[in-house]
Amino acid sequence: RIDQNTAGASLLGEEDYRARPELNYAPISYRRVGALRLS
């Protein structure tokens, strides 16, 4: 199971990159995955 707020392509401006590198410009984005394997 995966439940994450994604921001893989959210490019930070230089000022934010230096001061707040953890900032997420897209906190509304998400990825929720469920997977089951039986064999």
PDB file of all heavy atoms in Angstrom:
ATOM      1  N   ARG A   1       0.849  -1.185   0.000  1.00  0.00           N
ATOM      2  CA  ARG A   1       0.000   0.000   0.000  1.00  0.00           C
ATOM      3  C   ARG A   1       0.886   1.236   0.000  1.00  0.00           C
ATOM      4  O   ARG A   1       1.868   1.310   0.742  1.00  0.00           O
ATOM      5  CB  ARG A   1      -0.912   0.002   1.232  1.00  0.00           C
ATOM      6  CG  ARG A   1      -1.847   1.201   1.317  1.00  0.00           C
ATOM      7  CD  ARG A   1      -2.798   1.068   2.508  1.00  0.00           C
ATOM      8  NE  ARG A   1      -3.677   2.215   2.624  1.00  0.00           N
ATOM      9  CZ  ARG A   1      -3.424   3.299   3.334  1.00  0.00           C
ATOM     10  NH1 ARG A   1      -2.276   3.385   4.012  1.00  0.00           N
ATOM     11  NH2 ARG A   1      -4.274   4.301   3.388  1.00  0.00           N
ATOM     12  N   ILE A   2       0.543   2.210  -0.840  1.00  0.00           N
ATOM     13  CA  ILE A   2       1.257   3.485  -0.906  1.00  0.00           C
ATOM     14  C   ILE A   2       0.242   4.606  -0.744  1.00  0.00           C
ATOM     15  O   ILE A   2      -0.815   4.581  -1.363  1.00  0.00           O
ATOM     16  CB  ILE A   2       1.994   3.648  -2.255  1.00  0.00           C
ATOM     17  CG1 ILE A   2       3.051   2.554  -2.430  1.00  0.00           C
ATOM     18  CG2 ILE A   2       2.626   5.033  -2.365  1.00  0.00           C
ATOM     19  CD1 ILE A   2       3.682   2.559  -3.809  1.00  0.00           C
ATOM     20  N   ASP A   3       0.555   5.564   0.108  1.00  0.00           N
ATOM     21  CA  ASP A   3      -0.284   6.755   0.273  1.00  0.00           C
ATOM     22  C   ASP A   3       0.659   7.933   0.432  1.00  0.00           C
ATOM     23  O   ASP A   3       1.251   8.121   1.496  1.00  0.00           O
ATOM     24  CB  ASP A   3      -1.197   6.606   1.489  1.00  0.00           C
ATOM     25  CG  ASP A   3      -2.226   7.729   1.565  1.00  0.00           C
ATOM     26  OD1 ASP A   3      -2.128   8.674   0.761  1.00  0.00           O
ATOM     27  OD2 ASP A   3      -3.118   7.648   2.424  1.00  0.00           O
ATOM     28  N   GLN A   4       0.838   8.716  -0.641  1.00  0.00           N
ATOM     29  CA  GLN A   4       1.843   9.776  -0.592  1.00  0.00           C
ATOM     30  C   GLN A   4       1.325  11.049  -1.241  1.00  0.00           C
ATOM     31  O   GLN A   4       0.458  11.014  -2.107  1.00  0.00           O
ATOM     32  CB  GLN A   4       3.136   9.329  -1.292  1.00  0.00           C
ATOM     33  CG  GLN A   4       3.005   9.214  -2.799  1.00  0.00           C
ATOM     34  CD  GLN A   4       4.302   8.855  -3.489  1.00  0.00           C
ATOM     35  OE1 GLN A   4       4.357   7.918  -4.255  1.00  0.00           O
ATOM     36  NE2 GLN A   4       5.351   9.612  -3.213  1.00  0.00           N
ATOM     37  N   ASN A   5       1.872  12.170  -0.785  1.00  0.00           N
ATOM     38  CA  ASN A   5       1.677  13.453  -1.446  1.00  0.00           C
ATOM     39  C   ASN A   5       2.868  13.664  -2.369  1.00  0.00           C
ATOM     40  O   ASN A   5       3.982  13.899  -1.914  1.00  0.00           O
ATOM     41  CB  ASN A   5       1.573  14.587  -0.428  1.00  0.00           C
ATOM     42  CG  ASN A   5       0.308  14.515   0.378  1.00  0.00           C
ATOM     43  OD1 ASN A   5       0.336  14.127   1.540  1.00  0.00           O
ATOM     44  ND2 ASN A   5      -0.812  14.867  -0.223  1.00  0.00           N
ATOM     45  N   THR A   6       2.622  13.561  -3.665  1.00  0.00           N
ATOM     46  CA  THR A   6       3.721  13.583  -4.622  1.00  0.00           C
ATOM     47  C   THR A   6       4.128  15.011  -4.949  1.00  0.00           C
ATOM     48  O   THR A   6       3.340  15.938  -4.850  1.00  0.00           O
ATOM     49  CB  THR A   6       3.293  12.876  -5.912  1.00  0.00           C
ATOM     50  OG1 THR A   6       2.081  13.471  -6.380  1.00  0.00           O
ATOM     51  CG2 THR A   6       3.051  11.406  -5.668  1.00  0.00           C
ATOM     52  N   ALA A   7       5.378  15.181  -5.354  1.00  0.00           N
ATOM     53  CA  ALA A   7       5.859  16.468  -5.868  1.00  0.00           C
ATOM     54  C   ALA A   7       7.121  16.248  -6.674  1.00  0.00           C
ATOM     55  O   ALA A   7       8.036  17.050  -6.654  1.00  0.00           O
ATOM     56  CB  ALA A   7       6.120  17.439  -4.724  1.00  0.00           C
ATOM     57  N   GLY A   8       7.161  15.144  -7.394  1.00  0.00           N
ATOM     58  CA  GLY A   8       8.387  14.784  -8.097  1.00  0.00           C
ATOM     59  C   GLY A   8       8.795  15.761  -9.178  1.00  0.00           C
ATOM     60  O   GLY A   8       9.976  15.882  -9.488  1.00  0.00           O
ATOM     61  N   ALA A   9       7.844  16.494  -9.754  1.00  0.00           N
ATOM     62  CA  ALA A   9       8.178  17.436 -10.822  1.00  0.00           C
ATOM     63  C   ALA A   9       7.936  18.872 -10.382  1.00  0.00           C
ATOM     64  O   ALA A   9       7.846  19.769 -11.203  1.00  0.00           O
ATOM     65  CB  ALA A   9       7.355  17.134 -12.073  1.00  0.00           C
ATOM     66  N   SER A  10       7.837  19.096  -9.076  1.00  0.00           N
ATOM     67  CA  SER A  10       7.570  20.436  -8.569  1.00  0.00           C
ATOM     68  C   SER A  10       8.905  21.156  -8.378  1.00  0.00           C
ATOM     69  O   SER A  10       9.578  21.001  -7.365  1.00  0.00           O
ATOM     70  CB  SER A  10       6.811  20.349  -7.236  1.00  0.00           C
ATOM     71  OG  SER A  10       6.540  21.631  -6.739  1.00  0.00           O
ATOM     72  N   LEU A  11       9.305  21.922  -9.395  1.00  0.00           N
ATOM     73  CA  LEU A  11      10.605  22.586  -9.362  1.00  0.00           C
ATOM     74  C   LEU A  11      10.560  23.782  -8.416  1.00  0.00           C
ATOM     75  O   LEU A  11       9.671  24.624  -8.498  1.00  0.00           O
ATOM     76  CB  LEU A  11      10.990  23.038 -10.763  1.00  0.00           C
ATOM     77  CG  LEU A  11      11.009  21.944 -11.832  1.00  0.00           C
ATOM     78  CD1 LEU A  11      11.375  22.528 -13.184  1.00  0.00           C
ATOM     79  CD2 LEU A  11      11.961  20.845 -11.452  1.00  0.00           C
ATOM     80  N   LEU A  12      11.534  23.873  -7.524  1.00  0.00           N
ATOM     81  CA  LEU A  12      11.590  24.979  -6.576  1.00  0.00           C
ATOM     82  C   LEU A  12      12.362  26.155  -7.159  1.00  0.00           C
ATOM     83  O   LEU A  12      13.356  25.966  -7.864  1.00  0.00           O
ATOM     84  CB  LEU A  12      12.275  24.523  -5.284  1.00  0.00           C
ATOM     85  CG  LEU A  12      11.543  23.479  -4.441  1.00  0.00           C
ATOM     86  CD1 LEU A  12      12.389  23.082  -3.245  1.00  0.00           C
ATOM     87  CD2 LEU A  12      10.198  23.994  -3.989  1.00  0.00           C
ATOM     88  N   GLY A  13      11.905  27.380  -6.826  1.00  0.00           N
ATOM     89  CA  GLY A  13      12.703  28.557  -7.137  1.00  0.00           C
ATOM     90  C   GLY A  13      13.965  28.566  -6.288  1.00  0.00           C
ATOM     91  O   GLY A  13      14.052  27.909  -5.241  1.00  0.00           O
ATOM     92  N   GLU A  14      14.978  29.304  -6.727  1.00  0.00           N
ATOM     93  CA  GLU A  14      16.278  29.254  -6.038  1.00  0.00           C
ATOM     94  C   GLU A  14      16.161  29.691  -4.574  1.00  0.00           C
ATOM     95  O   GLU A  14      16.771  29.083  -3.689  1.00  0.00           O
ATOM     96  CB  GLU A  14      17.285  30.141  -6.781  1.00  0.00           C
ATOM     97  CG  GLU A  14      18.664  30.092  -6.133  1.00  0.00           C
ATOM     98  CD  GLU A  14      19.699  30.910  -6.906  1.00  0.00           C
ATOM     99  OE1 GLU A  14      19.346  31.482  -7.956  1.00  0.00           O
ATOM    100  OE2 GLU A  14      20.843  30.964  -6.428  1.00  0.00           O
ATOM    101  N   GLU A  15      15.379  30.732  -4.315  1.00  0.00           N
ATOM    102  CA  GLU A  15      15.257  31.218  -2.931  1.00  0.00           C
ATOM    103  C   GLU A  15      14.644  30.148  -2.037  1.00  0.00           C
ATOM    104  O   GLU A  15      15.131  29.889  -0.929  1.00  0.00           O
ATOM    105  CB  GLU A  15      14.400  32.483  -2.914  1.00  0.00           C
ATOM    106  CG  GLU A  15      14.238  33.084  -1.519  1.00  0.00           C
ATOM    107  CD  GLU A  15      13.402  34.347  -1.543  1.00  0.00           C
ATOM    108  OE1 GLU A  15      13.205  34.924  -2.641  1.00  0.00           O
ATOM    109  OE2 GLU A  15      12.935  34.751  -0.455  1.00  0.00           O
ATOM    110  N   ASP A  16      13.565  29.475  -2.511  1.00  0.00           N
ATOM    111  CA  ASP A  16      12.961  28.402  -1.715  1.00  0.00           C
ATOM    112  C   ASP A  16      13.881  27.199  -1.610  1.00  0.00           C
ATOM    113  O   ASP A  16      13.935  26.528  -0.576  1.00  0.00           O
ATOM    114  CB  ASP A  16      11.630  27.984  -2.347  1.00  0.00           C
ATOM    115  CG  ASP A  16      10.560  29.044  -2.160  1.00  0.00           C
ATOM    116  OD1 ASP A  16      10.594  29.748  -1.125  1.00  0.00           O
ATOM    117  OD2 ASP A  16       9.695  29.174  -3.052  1.00  0.00           O
ATOM    118  N   TYR A  17      14.608  26.908  -2.675  1.00  0.00           N
ATOM    119  CA  TYR A  17      15.518  25.764  -2.649  1.00  0.00           C
ATOM    120  C   TYR A  17      16.583  25.933  -1.564  1.00  0.00           C
ATOM    121  O   TYR A  17      16.934  24.988  -0.857  1.00  0.00           O
ATOM    122  CB  TYR A  17      16.177  25.610  -4.022  1.00  0.00           C
ATOM    123  CG  TYR A  17      17.265  24.572  -4.068  1.00  0.00           C
ATOM    124  CD1 TYR A  17      16.965  23.217  -4.068  1.00  0.00           C
ATOM    125  CD2 TYR A  17      18.610  24.956  -4.110  1.00  0.00           C
ATOM    126  CE1 TYR A  17      17.965  22.265  -4.102  1.00  0.00           C
ATOM    127  CE2 TYR A  17      19.618  24.001  -4.144  1.00  0.00           C
ATOM    128  CZ  TYR A  17      19.285  22.663  -4.138  1.00  0.00           C
ATOM    129  OH  TYR A  17      20.288  21.729  -4.178  1.00  0.00           O
ATOM    130  N   ARG A  18      17.078  27.155  -1.406  1.00  0.00           N
ATOM    131  CA  ARG A  18      18.126  27.384  -0.411  1.00  0.00           C
ATOM    132  C   ARG A  18      17.558  27.515   0.996  1.00  0.00           C
ATOM    133  O   ARG A  18      18.177  27.071   1.967  1.00  0.00           O
ATOM    134  CB  ARG A  18      18.926  28.635  -0.776  1.00  0.00           C
ATOM    135  CG  ARG A  18      19.672  28.499  -2.094  1.00  0.00           C
ATOM    136  CD  ARG A  18      20.601  29.685  -2.347  1.00  0.00           C
ATOM    137  NE  ARG A  18      21.294  29.553  -3.620  1.00  0.00           N
ATOM    138  CZ  ARG A  18      22.369  28.783  -3.819  1.00  0.00           C
ATOM    139  NH1 ARG A  18      22.847  28.072  -2.798  1.00  0.00           N
ATOM    140  NH2 ARG A  18      22.938  28.716  -4.999  1.00  0.00           N
ATOM    141  N   ALA A  19      16.364  28.116   1.122  1.00  0.00           N
ATOM    142  CA  ALA A  19      15.824  28.382   2.450  1.00  0.00           C
ATOM    143  C   ALA A  19      14.912  27.269   2.959  1.00  0.00           C
ATOM    144  O   ALA A  19      14.938  26.929   4.150  1.00  0.00           O
ATOM    145  CB  ALA A  19      15.057  29.716   2.440  1.00  0.00           C
ATOM    146  N   ARG A  20      14.076  26.701   2.060  1.00  0.00           N
ATOM    147  CA  ARG A  20      13.104  25.676   2.480  1.00  0.00           C
ATOM    148  C   ARG A  20      13.072  24.557   1.442  1.00  0.00           C
ATOM    149  O   ARG A  20      12.100  24.419   0.686  1.00  0.00           O
ATOM    150  CB  ARG A  20      11.717  26.306   2.626  1.00  0.00           C
ATOM    151  CG  ARG A  20      11.627  27.371   3.719  1.00  0.00           C
ATOM    152  CD  ARG A  20      10.191  27.855   3.881  1.00  0.00           C
ATOM    153  NE  ARG A  20       9.731  28.554   2.679  1.00  0.00           N
ATOM    154  CZ  ARG A  20       8.464  28.903   2.472  1.00  0.00           C
ATOM    155  NH1 ARG A  20       7.534  28.583   3.367  1.00  0.00           N
ATOM    156  NH2 ARG A  20       8.103  29.556   1.375  1.00  0.00           N
ATOM    157  N   PRO A  21      14.116  23.743   1.372  1.00  0.00           N
ATOM    158  CA  PRO A  21      14.174  22.723   0.320  1.00  0.00           C
ATOM    159  C   PRO A  21      13.101  21.656   0.441  1.00  0.00           C
ATOM    160  O   PRO A  21      12.856  20.927  -0.516  1.00  0.00           O
ATOM    161  CB  PRO A  21      15.574  22.126   0.501  1.00  0.00           C
ATOM    162  CG  PRO A  21      15.933  22.410   1.919  1.00  0.00           C
ATOM    163  CD  PRO A  21      15.306  23.725   2.246  1.00  0.00           C
ATOM    164  N   GLU A  22      12.427  21.580   1.602  1.00  0.00           N
ATOM    165  CA  GLU A  22      11.367  20.578   1.771  1.00  0.00           C
ATOM    166  C   GLU A  22      10.002  21.092   1.313  1.00  0.00           C
ATOM    167  O   GLU A  22       9.006  20.354   1.360  1.00  0.00           O
ATOM    168  CB  GLU A  22      11.273  20.155   3.241  1.00  0.00           C
ATOM    169  CG  GLU A  22      10.592  21.165   4.181  1.00  0.00           C
ATOM    170  CD  GLU A  22      11.462  22.367   4.518  1.00  0.00           C
ATOM    171  OE1 GLU A  22      12.639  22.389   4.097  1.00  0.00           O
ATOM    172  OE2 GLU A  22      10.968  23.280   5.183  1.00  0.00           O
ATOM    173  N   LEU A  23       9.931  22.323   0.825  1.00  0.00           N
ATOM    174  CA  LEU A  23       8.658  22.922   0.447  1.00  0.00           C
ATOM    175  C   LEU A  23       8.025  22.165  -0.719  1.00  0.00           C
ATOM    176  O   LEU A  23       8.697  21.776  -1.669  1.00  0.00           O
ATOM    177  CB  LEU A  23       8.877  24.389   0.058  1.00  0.00           C
ATOM    178  CG  LEU A  23       7.616  25.200  -0.272  1.00  0.00           C
ATOM    179  CD1 LEU A  23       6.702  25.295   0.936  1.00  0.00           C
ATOM    180  CD2 LEU A  23       8.000  26.590  -0.771  1.00  0.00           C
ATOM    181  N   ASN A  24       6.727  21.964  -0.642  1.00  0.00           N
ATOM    182  CA  ASN A  24       5.964  21.287  -1.691  1.00  0.00           C
ATOM    183  C   ASN A  24       5.027  22.312  -2.324  1.00  0.00           C
ATOM    184  O   ASN A  24       4.116  22.815  -1.672  1.00  0.00           O
ATOM    185  CB  ASN A  24       5.165  20.127  -1.085  1.00  0.00           C
ATOM    186  CG  ASN A  24       4.436  19.300  -2.119  1.00  0.00           C
ATOM    187  OD1 ASN A  24       4.407  19.642  -3.294  1.00  0.00           O
ATOM    188  ND2 ASN A  24       3.835  18.215  -1.673  1.00  0.00           N
ATOM    189  N   TYR A  25       5.255  22.627  -3.596  1.00  0.00           N
ATOM    190  CA  TYR A  25       4.393  23.573  -4.295  1.00  0.00           C
ATOM    191  C   TYR A  25       3.040  22.959  -4.652  1.00  0.00           C
ATOM    192  O   TYR A  25       2.123  23.662  -5.048  1.00  0.00           O
ATOM    193  CB  TYR A  25       5.058  24.043  -5.593  1.00  0.00           C
ATOM    194  CG  TYR A  25       6.191  25.015  -5.420  1.00  0.00           C
ATOM    195  CD1 TYR A  25       7.075  25.263  -6.467  1.00  0.00           C
ATOM    196  CD2 TYR A  25       6.394  25.702  -4.222  1.00  0.00           C
ATOM    197  CE1 TYR A  25       8.127  26.161  -6.340  1.00  0.00           C
ATOM    198  CE2 TYR A  25       7.440  26.591  -4.078  1.00  0.00           C
ATOM    199  CZ  TYR A  25       8.303  26.823  -5.129  1.00  0.00           C
ATOM    200  OH  TYR A  25       9.342  27.716  -5.000  1.00  0.00           O
ATOM    201  N   ALA A  26       2.916  21.646  -4.552  1.00  0.00           N
ATOM    202  CA  ALA A  26       1.673  20.982  -4.957  1.00  0.00           C
ATOM    203  C   ALA A  26       1.194  20.026  -3.868  1.00  0.00           C
ATOM    204  O   ALA A  26       1.126  18.811  -4.082  1.00  0.00           O
ATOM    205  CB  ALA A  26       1.869  20.247  -6.271  1.00  0.00           C
ATOM    206  N   PRO A  27       0.839  20.534  -2.674  1.00  0.00           N
ATOM    207  CA  PRO A  27       0.404  19.629  -1.595  1.00  0.00           C
ATOM    208  C   PRO A  27      -0.928  18.951  -1.876  1.00  0.00           C
ATOM    209  O   PRO A  27      -1.275  17.977  -1.196  1.00  0.00           O
ATOM    210  CB  PRO A  27       0.315  20.564  -0.378  1.00  0.00           C
ATOM    211  CG  PRO A  27       0.079  21.930  -0.960  1.00  0.00           C
ATOM    212  CD  PRO A  27       0.851  21.942  -2.243  1.00  0.00           C
ATOM    213  N   ILE A  28      -1.675  19.422  -2.893  1.00  0.00           N
ATOM    214  CA  ILE A  28      -2.957  18.767  -3.206  1.00  0.00           C
ATOM    215  C   ILE A  28      -2.747  17.498  -4.032  1.00  0.00           C
ATOM    216  O   ILE A  28      -3.673  16.698  -4.175  1.00  0.00           O
ATOM    217  CB  ILE A  28      -3.899  19.728  -3.965  1.00  0.00           C
ATOM    218  CG1 ILE A  28      -3.279  20.157  -5.300  1.00  0.00           C
ATOM    219  CG2 ILE A  28      -4.228  20.941  -3.110  1.00  0.00           C
ATOM    220  CD1 ILE A  28      -4.224  20.966  -6.178  1.00  0.00           C
ATOM    221  N   SER A  29      -1.569  17.306  -4.579  1.00  0.00           N
ATOM    222  CA  SER A  29      -1.332  16.119  -5.394  1.00  0.00           C
ATOM    223  C   SER A  29      -1.229  14.885  -4.494  1.00  0.00           C
ATOM    224  O   SER A  29      -0.866  14.971  -3.323  1.00  0.00           O
ATOM    225  CB  SER A  29      -0.061  16.284  -6.216  1.00  0.00           C
ATOM    226  OG  SER A  29       1.064  16.363  -5.368  1.00  0.00           O
ATOM    227  N   TYR A  30      -1.537  13.723  -5.071  1.00  0.00           N
ATOM    228  CA  TYR A  30      -1.475  12.487  -4.281  1.00  0.00           C
ATOM    229  C   TYR A  30      -1.329  11.286  -5.203  1.00  0.00           C
ATOM    230  O   TYR A  30      -1.597  11.344  -6.403  1.00  0.00           O
ATOM    231  CB  TYR A  30      -2.732  12.329  -3.417  1.00  0.00           C
ATOM    232  CG  TYR A  30      -4.028  12.285  -4.183  1.00  0.00           C
ATOM    233  CD1 TYR A  30      -4.469  11.126  -4.816  1.00  0.00           C
ATOM    234  CD2 TYR A  30      -4.828  13.431  -4.292  1.00  0.00           C
ATOM    235  CE1 TYR A  30      -5.665  11.087  -5.518  1.00  0.00           C
ATOM    236  CE2 TYR A  30      -6.025  13.409  -5.001  1.00  0.00           C
ATOM    237  CZ  TYR A  30      -6.433  12.228  -5.609  1.00  0.00           C
ATOM    238  OH  TYR A  30      -7.613  12.199  -6.323  1.00  0.00           O
ATOM    239  N   ARG A  31      -0.887  10.196  -4.615  1.00  0.00           N
ATOM    240  CA  ARG A  31      -0.832   8.893  -5.276  1.00  0.00           C
ATOM    241  C   ARG A  31      -1.172   7.848  -4.219  1.00  0.00           C
ATOM    242  O   ARG A  31      -0.484   7.725  -3.198  1.00  0.00           O
ATOM    243  CB  ARG A  31       0.554   8.621  -5.855  1.00  0.00           C
ATOM    244  CG  ARG A  31       0.652   7.285  -6.604  1.00  0.00           C
ATOM    245  CD  ARG A  31       2.098   6.918  -6.888  1.00  0.00           C
ATOM    246  NE  ARG A  31       2.790   7.961  -7.615  1.00  0.00           N
ATOM    247  CZ  ARG A  31       2.876   8.047  -8.934  1.00  0.00           C
ATOM    248  NH1 ARG A  31       2.302   7.109  -9.674  1.00  0.00           N
ATOM    249  NH2 ARG A  31       3.529   9.019  -9.510  1.00  0.00           N
ATOM    250  N   ARG A  32      -2.257   7.096  -4.458  1.00  0.00           N
ATOM    251  CA  ARG A  32      -2.692   6.058  -3.521  1.00  0.00           C
ATOM    252  C   ARG A  32      -2.784   4.745  -4.288  1.00  0.00           C
ATOM    253  O   ARG A  32      -3.586   4.613  -5.211  1.00  0.00           O
ATOM    254  CB  ARG A  32      -4.037   6.423  -2.901  1.00  0.00           C
ATOM    255  CG  ARG A  32      -4.005   7.766  -2.165  1.00  0.00           C
ATOM    256  CD  ARG A  32      -5.330   8.126  -1.513  1.00  0.00           C
ATOM    257  NE  ARG A  32      -5.283   9.466  -0.965  1.00  0.00           N
ATOM    258  CZ  ARG A  32      -6.044  10.483  -1.367  1.00  0.00           C
ATOM    259  NH1 ARG A  32      -6.929  10.283  -2.333  1.00  0.00           N
ATOM    260  NH2 ARG A  32      -5.932  11.675  -0.814  1.00  0.00           N
ATOM    261  N   VAL A  33      -1.965   3.804  -3.904  1.00  0.00           N
ATOM    262  CA  VAL A  33      -1.822   2.556  -4.638  1.00  0.00           C
ATOM    263  C   VAL A  33      -2.084   1.381  -3.712  1.00  0.00           C
ATOM    264  O   VAL A  33      -1.617   1.361  -2.565  1.00  0.00           O
ATOM    265  CB  VAL A  33      -0.401   2.421  -5.238  1.00  0.00           C
ATOM    266  CG1 VAL A  33      -0.239   1.093  -5.961  1.00  0.00           C
ATOM    267  CG2 VAL A  33      -0.105   3.590  -6.163  1.00  0.00           C
ATOM    268  N   GLY A  34      -2.844   0.408  -4.207  1.00  0.00           N
ATOM    269  CA  GLY A  34      -3.010  -0.869  -3.523  1.00  0.00           C
ATOM    270  C   GLY A  34      -2.660  -1.993  -4.474  1.00  0.00           C
ATOM    271  O   GLY A  34      -3.022  -1.948  -5.651  1.00  0.00           O
ATOM    272  N   ALA A  35      -1.921  -2.988  -4.005  1.00  0.00           N
ATOM    273  CA  ALA A  35      -1.504  -4.085  -4.876  1.00  0.00           C
ATOM    274  C   ALA A  35      -1.484  -5.385  -4.086  1.00  0.00           C
ATOM    275  O   ALA A  35      -1.065  -5.414  -2.923  1.00  0.00           O
ATOM    276  CB  ALA A  35      -0.125  -3.806  -5.475  1.00  0.00           C
ATOM    277  N   LEU A  36      -1.935  -6.446  -4.726  1.00  0.00           N
ATOM    278  CA  LEU A  36      -1.947  -7.776  -4.116  1.00  0.00           C
ATOM    279  C   LEU A  36      -1.473  -8.781  -5.147  1.00  0.00           C
ATOM    280  O   LEU A  36      -1.881  -8.736  -6.311  1.00  0.00           O
ATOM    281  CB  LEU A  36      -3.364  -8.142  -3.651  1.00  0.00           C
ATOM    282  CG  LEU A  36      -3.540  -9.543  -3.060  1.00  0.00           C
ATOM    283  CD1 LEU A  36      -2.793  -9.668  -1.750  1.00  0.00           C
ATOM    284  CD2 LEU A  36      -5.021  -9.852  -2.858  1.00  0.00           C
ATOM    285  N   ARG A  37      -0.573  -9.685  -4.738  1.00  0.00           N
ATOM    286  CA  ARG A  37      -0.044 -10.722  -5.620  1.00  0.00           C
ATOM    287  C   ARG A  37      -0.229 -12.087  -4.964  1.00  0.00           C
ATOM    288  O   ARG A  37       0.158 -12.269  -3.809  1.00  0.00           O
ATOM    289  CB  ARG A  37       1.448 -10.498  -5.886  1.00  0.00           C
ATOM    290  CG  ARG A  37       1.776  -9.136  -6.474  1.00  0.00           C
ATOM    291  CD  ARG A  37       1.412  -9.064  -7.938  1.00  0.00           C
ATOM    292  NE  ARG A  37       1.816  -7.810  -8.534  1.00  0.00           N
ATOM    293  CZ  ARG A  37       1.055  -6.734  -8.600  1.00  0.00           C
ATOM    294  NH1 ARG A  37      -0.165  -6.763  -8.083  1.00  0.00           N
ATOM    295  NH2 ARG A  37       1.489  -5.637  -9.165  1.00  0.00           N
ATOM    296  N   LEU A  38      -0.791 -13.001  -5.707  1.00  0.00           N
ATOM    297  CA  LEU A  38      -0.940 -14.376  -5.239  1.00  0.00           C
ATOM    298  C   LEU A  38      -0.447 -15.315  -6.332  1.00  0.00           C
ATOM    299  O   LEU A  38      -0.790 -15.140  -7.497  1.00  0.00           O
ATOM    300  CB  LEU A  38      -2.407 -14.705  -4.921  1.00  0.00           C
ATOM    301  CG  LEU A  38      -3.082 -13.915  -3.810  1.00  0.00           C
ATOM    302  CD1 LEU A  38      -4.576 -14.227  -3.773  1.00  0.00           C
ATOM    303  CD2 LEU A  38      -2.452 -14.243  -2.465  1.00  0.00           C
ATOM    304  N   SER A  39       0.358 -16.298  -5.969  1.00  0.00           N
ATOM    305  CA  SER A  39       0.804 -17.269  -6.962  1.00  0.00           C
ATOM    306  C   SER A  39       1.147 -18.586  -6.273  1.00  0.00           C
ATOM    307  O   SER A  39       1.415 -18.631  -5.062  1.00  0.00           O
ATOM    308  CB  SER A  39       2.025 -16.759  -7.739  1.00  0.00           C
ATOM    309  OG  SER A  39       3.148 -16.675  -6.893  1.00  0.00           O
TER     310      SER A  39
END
